[in-house]
C-alpha atoms as a PDB file:
ATOM      1  CA  MET A   1     -19.058  46.604 174.264  1.00  0.00           C
ATOM      2  CA  LEU A   2     -16.718  45.794 170.665  1.00  0.00           C
ATOM      3  CA  ALA A   3     -18.368  48.618 168.795  1.00  0.00           C
ATOM      4  CA  TRP A   4     -17.420  51.088 171.650  1.00  0.00           C
ATOM      5  CA  ARG A   5     -13.746  49.942 171.588  1.00  0.00           C
ATOM      6  CA  PHE A   6     -13.807  50.258 167.489  1.00  0.00           C
ATOM      7  CA  LEU A   7     -15.109  53.812 167.728  1.00  0.00           C
ATOM      8  CA  ALA A   8     -12.985  55.052 171.131  1.00  0.00           C
ATOM      9  CA  ILE A   9      -9.827  53.670 168.378  1.00  0.00           C
ATOM     10  CA  ALA A  10     -10.847  55.647 165.601  1.00  0.00           C
ATOM     11  CA  ALA A  11     -11.567  58.486 167.140  1.00  0.00           C
ATOM     12  CA  LEU A  12      -8.256  58.324 168.720  1.00  0.00           C
ATOM     13  CA  LEU A  13      -6.378  57.603 165.101  1.00  0.00           C
ATOM     14  CA  LEU A  14      -8.335  60.613 163.865  1.00  0.00           C
ATOM     15  CA  GLY A  15      -7.270  63.217 166.679  1.00  0.00           C
ATOM     16  CA  TYR A  16      -3.542  60.852 166.702  1.00  0.00           C
ATOM     17  CA  GLY A  17      -2.724  62.759 163.069  1.00  0.00           C
ATOM     18  CA  SER A  18      -3.083  66.069 164.204  1.00  0.00           C
ATOM     19  CA  ARG A  19      -1.393  65.453 167.592  1.00  0.00           C
ATOM     20  CA  LEU A  20       1.685  64.064 165.529  1.00  0.00           C
ATOM     21  CA  ALA A  21       1.684  67.420 163.547  1.00  0.00           C
ATOM     22  CA  ALA A  22       1.624  69.019 167.180  1.00  0.00           C
ATOM     23  CA  GLU A  23       4.514  67.049 168.127  1.00  0.00           C
ATOM     24  CA  GLU A  24       6.804  67.164 164.868  1.00  0.00           C
ATOM     25  CA  ASN A  25       9.473  69.544 167.033  1.00  0.00           C
ATOM     26  CA  LYS A  26       9.438  66.924 170.239  1.00  0.00           C
ATOM     27  CA  PRO A  27      12.653  65.874 170.496  1.00  0.00           C
ATOM     28  CA  ALA A  28      13.741  61.975 170.661  1.00  0.00           C
ATOM     29  CA  THR A  29      15.756  62.486 173.676  1.00  0.00           C
ATOM     30  CA  PRO A  30      13.419  61.674 177.020  1.00  0.00           C
ATOM     31  CA  LEU A  31      13.160  65.185 179.002  1.00  0.00           C
ATOM     32  CA  LEU A  32      15.835  63.671 181.730  1.00  0.00           C
ATOM     33  CA  GLY A  33      18.485  62.773 179.241  1.00  0.00           C
ATOM     34  CA  ARG A  34      18.035  66.513 177.857  1.00  0.00           C
ATOM     35  CA  GLN A  35      20.546  69.813 178.569  1.00  0.00           C
ATOM     36  CA  PRO A  36      18.399  71.278 181.536  1.00  0.00           C
ATOM     37  CA  PHE A  37      15.818  74.182 180.391  1.00  0.00           C
ATOM     38  CA  ASP A  38      12.706  76.394 181.445  1.00  0.00           C
ATOM     39  CA  ARG A  39       9.826  76.515 179.544  1.00  0.00           C
ATOM     40  CA  ILE A  40       8.194  80.188 178.617  1.00  0.00           C
ATOM     41  CA  THR A  41       4.994  80.248 176.976  1.00  0.00           C
ATOM     42  CA  LEU A  42       3.993  83.735 175.763  1.00  0.00           C
ATOM     43  CA  ASP A  43       0.799  85.061 175.071  1.00  0.00           C
ATOM     44  CA  SER A  44      -2.395  85.245 172.116  1.00  0.00           C
ATOM     45  CA  ALA A  45      -1.079  88.565 170.643  1.00  0.00           C
ATOM     46  CA  ASN A  46       2.844  86.069 170.176  1.00  0.00           C
ATOM     47  CA  ASN A  47       0.709  83.052 168.874  1.00  0.00           C
ATOM     48  CA  GLY A  48       1.218  81.539 172.063  1.00  0.00           C
ATOM     49  CA  ALA A  49       4.948  80.658 171.445  1.00  0.00           C
ATOM     50  CA  VAL A  50       6.623  78.227 173.019  1.00  0.00           C
ATOM     51  CA  LEU A  51       9.951  79.014 173.855  1.00  0.00           C
ATOM     52  CA  ASP A  52      12.815  76.637 175.735  1.00  0.00           C
ATOM     53  CA  VAL A  53      15.184  78.368 177.720  1.00  0.00           C
ATOM     54  CA  GLU A  54      18.643  77.951 179.283  1.00  0.00           C
ATOM     55  CA  ILE A  55      17.930  77.670 183.210  1.00  0.00           C
ATOM     56  CA  LEU A  56      16.556  81.341 184.385  1.00  0.00           C
ATOM     57  CA  ASP A  57      17.881  83.161 186.960  1.00  0.00           C
ATOM     58  CA  LEU A  58      15.462  83.407 189.415  1.00  0.00           C
ATOM     59  CA  PRO A  59      15.123  84.462 193.088  1.00  0.00           C
ATOM     60  CA  ALA A  60      15.079  80.627 194.564  1.00  0.00           C
ATOM     61  CA  ARG A  61      14.330  79.318 191.409  1.00  0.00           C
ATOM     62  CA  LYS A  62      10.258  80.269 191.736  1.00  0.00           C
ATOM     63  CA  VAL A  63       8.254  81.699 189.236  1.00  0.00           C
ATOM     64  CA  PRO A  64       6.917  85.102 190.272  1.00  0.00           C
ATOM     65  CA  GLU A  65       3.014  84.222 190.986  1.00  0.00           C
ATOM     66  CA  VAL A  66       2.318  87.750 189.681  1.00  0.00           C
ATOM     67  CA  PHE A  67       4.297  89.005 186.625  1.00  0.00           C
ATOM     68  CA  PRO A  68       6.020  91.983 186.929  1.00  0.00           C
ATOM     69  CA  THR A  69       3.549  94.856 184.487  1.00  0.00           C
ATOM     70  CA  SER A  70       6.912  96.142 183.032  1.00  0.00           C
ATOM     71  CA  GLY A  71      10.505  94.975 181.978  1.00  0.00           C
ATOM     72  CA  GLN A  72      11.975  92.418 180.460  1.00  0.00           C
ATOM     73  CA  LEU A  73      13.248  88.875 181.318  1.00  0.00           C
ATOM     74  CA  GLU A  74      16.689  88.125 179.390  1.00  0.00           C
ATOM     75  CA  VAL A  75      16.490  84.949 177.867  1.00  0.00           C
ATOM     76  CA  THR A  76      18.393  82.622 175.635  1.00  0.00           C
ATOM     77  CA  ARG A  77      16.835  80.133 173.588  1.00  0.00           C
ATOM     78  CA  LEU A  78      18.270  76.695 173.526  1.00  0.00           C
ATOM     79  CA  SER A  79      17.798  76.967 169.829  1.00  0.00           C
ATOM     80  CA  GLU A  80      19.985  80.104 169.489  1.00  0.00           C
ATOM     81  CA  PRO A  81      22.837  79.890 171.833  1.00  0.00           C
ATOM     82  CA  SER A  82      24.519  82.865 170.554  1.00  0.00           C
ATOM     83  CA  VAL A  83      21.865  85.251 170.785  1.00  0.00           C
ATOM     84  CA  LEU A  84      20.213  86.973 173.744  1.00  0.00           C
ATOM     85  CA  TYR A  85      16.424  87.560 173.905  1.00  0.00           C
ATOM     86  CA  ASN A  86      14.517  90.514 175.855  1.00  0.00           C
ATOM     87  CA  VAL A  87      10.962  89.175 176.467  1.00  0.00           C
ATOM     88  CA  SER A  88       8.359  91.935 177.632  1.00  0.00           C
ATOM     89  CA  TRP A  89       6.978  90.310 180.907  1.00  0.00           C
ATOM     90  CA  THR A  90       3.407  91.277 179.704  1.00  0.00           C
ATOM     91  CA  SER A  91       4.269  89.276 176.765  1.00  0.00           C
ATOM     92  CA  ILE A  92       4.613  86.112 179.070  1.00  0.00           C
ATOM     93  CA  GLU A  93       1.583  83.747 179.427  1.00  0.00           C
ATOM     94  CA  LYS A  94       3.153  80.916 181.966  1.00  0.00           C
ATOM     95  CA  ILE A  95       6.930  79.953 182.835  1.00  0.00           C
ATOM     96  CA  GLU A  96       7.805  76.209 183.438  1.00  0.00           C
ATOM     97  CA  LEU A  97      10.568  75.333 185.538  1.00  0.00           C
ATOM     98  CA  PHE A  98      12.568  72.504 184.324  1.00  0.00           C
ATOM     99  CA  GLU A  99      11.931  70.344 187.673  1.00  0.00           C
ATOM    100  CA  GLN A 100       8.196  71.158 186.975  1.00  0.00           C
ATOM    101  CA  LEU A 101       8.449  69.924 183.585  1.00  0.00           C
ATOM    102  CA  LEU A 102      10.249  66.726 184.848  1.00  0.00           C
ATOM    103  CA  LEU A 103       7.554  66.203 187.623  1.00  0.00           C
ATOM    104  CA  SER A 104       5.150  66.471 184.657  1.00  0.00           C
ATOM    105  CA  ASP A 105       6.723  64.271 182.670  1.00  0.00           C
ATOM    106  CA  ALA A 106       7.083  61.784 185.459  1.00  0.00           C
ATOM    107  CA  LYS A 107       3.272  61.221 186.146  1.00  0.00           C
ATOM    108  CA  LYS A 108       2.492  61.276 182.985  1.00  0.00           C
ATOM    109  CA  GLN A 109       4.668  58.148 182.291  1.00  0.00           C
ATOM    110  CA  ILE A 110       3.354  56.360 185.675  1.00  0.00           C
ATOM    111  CA  ALA A 111      -0.137  57.330 184.972  1.00  0.00           C
ATOM    112  CA  CYS A 112       0.684  55.433 181.237  1.00  0.00           C
ATOM    113  CA  LEU A 113       2.172  52.193 183.188  1.00  0.00           C
ATOM    114  CA  LEU A 114      -0.699  52.047 185.893  1.00  0.00           C
ATOM    115  CA  TYR A 115      -3.322  52.357 183.386  1.00  0.00           C
ATOM    116  CA  THR A 116      -2.719  51.332 179.586  1.00  0.00           C
ATOM    117  CA  SER A 117      -4.413  48.061 179.122  1.00  0.00           C
ATOM    118  CA  ASP A 118      -4.185  48.114 175.302  1.00  0.00           C
ATOM    119  CA  ALA A 119      -2.668  49.052 171.947  1.00  0.00           C
ATOM    120  CA  ALA A 120      -5.482  51.780 171.714  1.00  0.00           C
ATOM    121  CA  ASP A 121      -4.195  53.466 175.387  1.00  0.00           C
ATOM    122  CA  ASP A 122      -0.865  52.951 174.606  1.00  0.00           C
ATOM    123  CA  LEU A 123      -1.680  55.877 172.358  1.00  0.00           C
ATOM    124  CA  LEU A 124      -2.813  58.219 174.991  1.00  0.00           C
ATOM    125  CA  CYS A 125       1.234  57.487 175.855  1.00  0.00           C
ATOM    126  CA  VAL A 126       2.905  58.448 173.059  1.00  0.00           C
END
């Protein structure tokens, strides 16, 4: 049992470095404390870029089940609020609304509170 825990901790720590690098741009402010935004993930042709943008003006705040095959979506990135961008609908892989991001984050935090039992588990909740 002790050997298994050691291997699990070692695996977590080895993977943790790459996870830290991926989360290097993650804001220190909790999601709930940030300005509301929506997140657009672009396709592989755009290297899967993730754009945090000002709240999108979508009818009834619903993401289309199928994105249009032509046209562009006008967005303003949070990192450059004075610049208006046009993103081709065909380049969009996924759109996550702020309320969806909040719900996902809350579920993750609750799971961490309910299921963590030791320091190794805490690494999963970073």
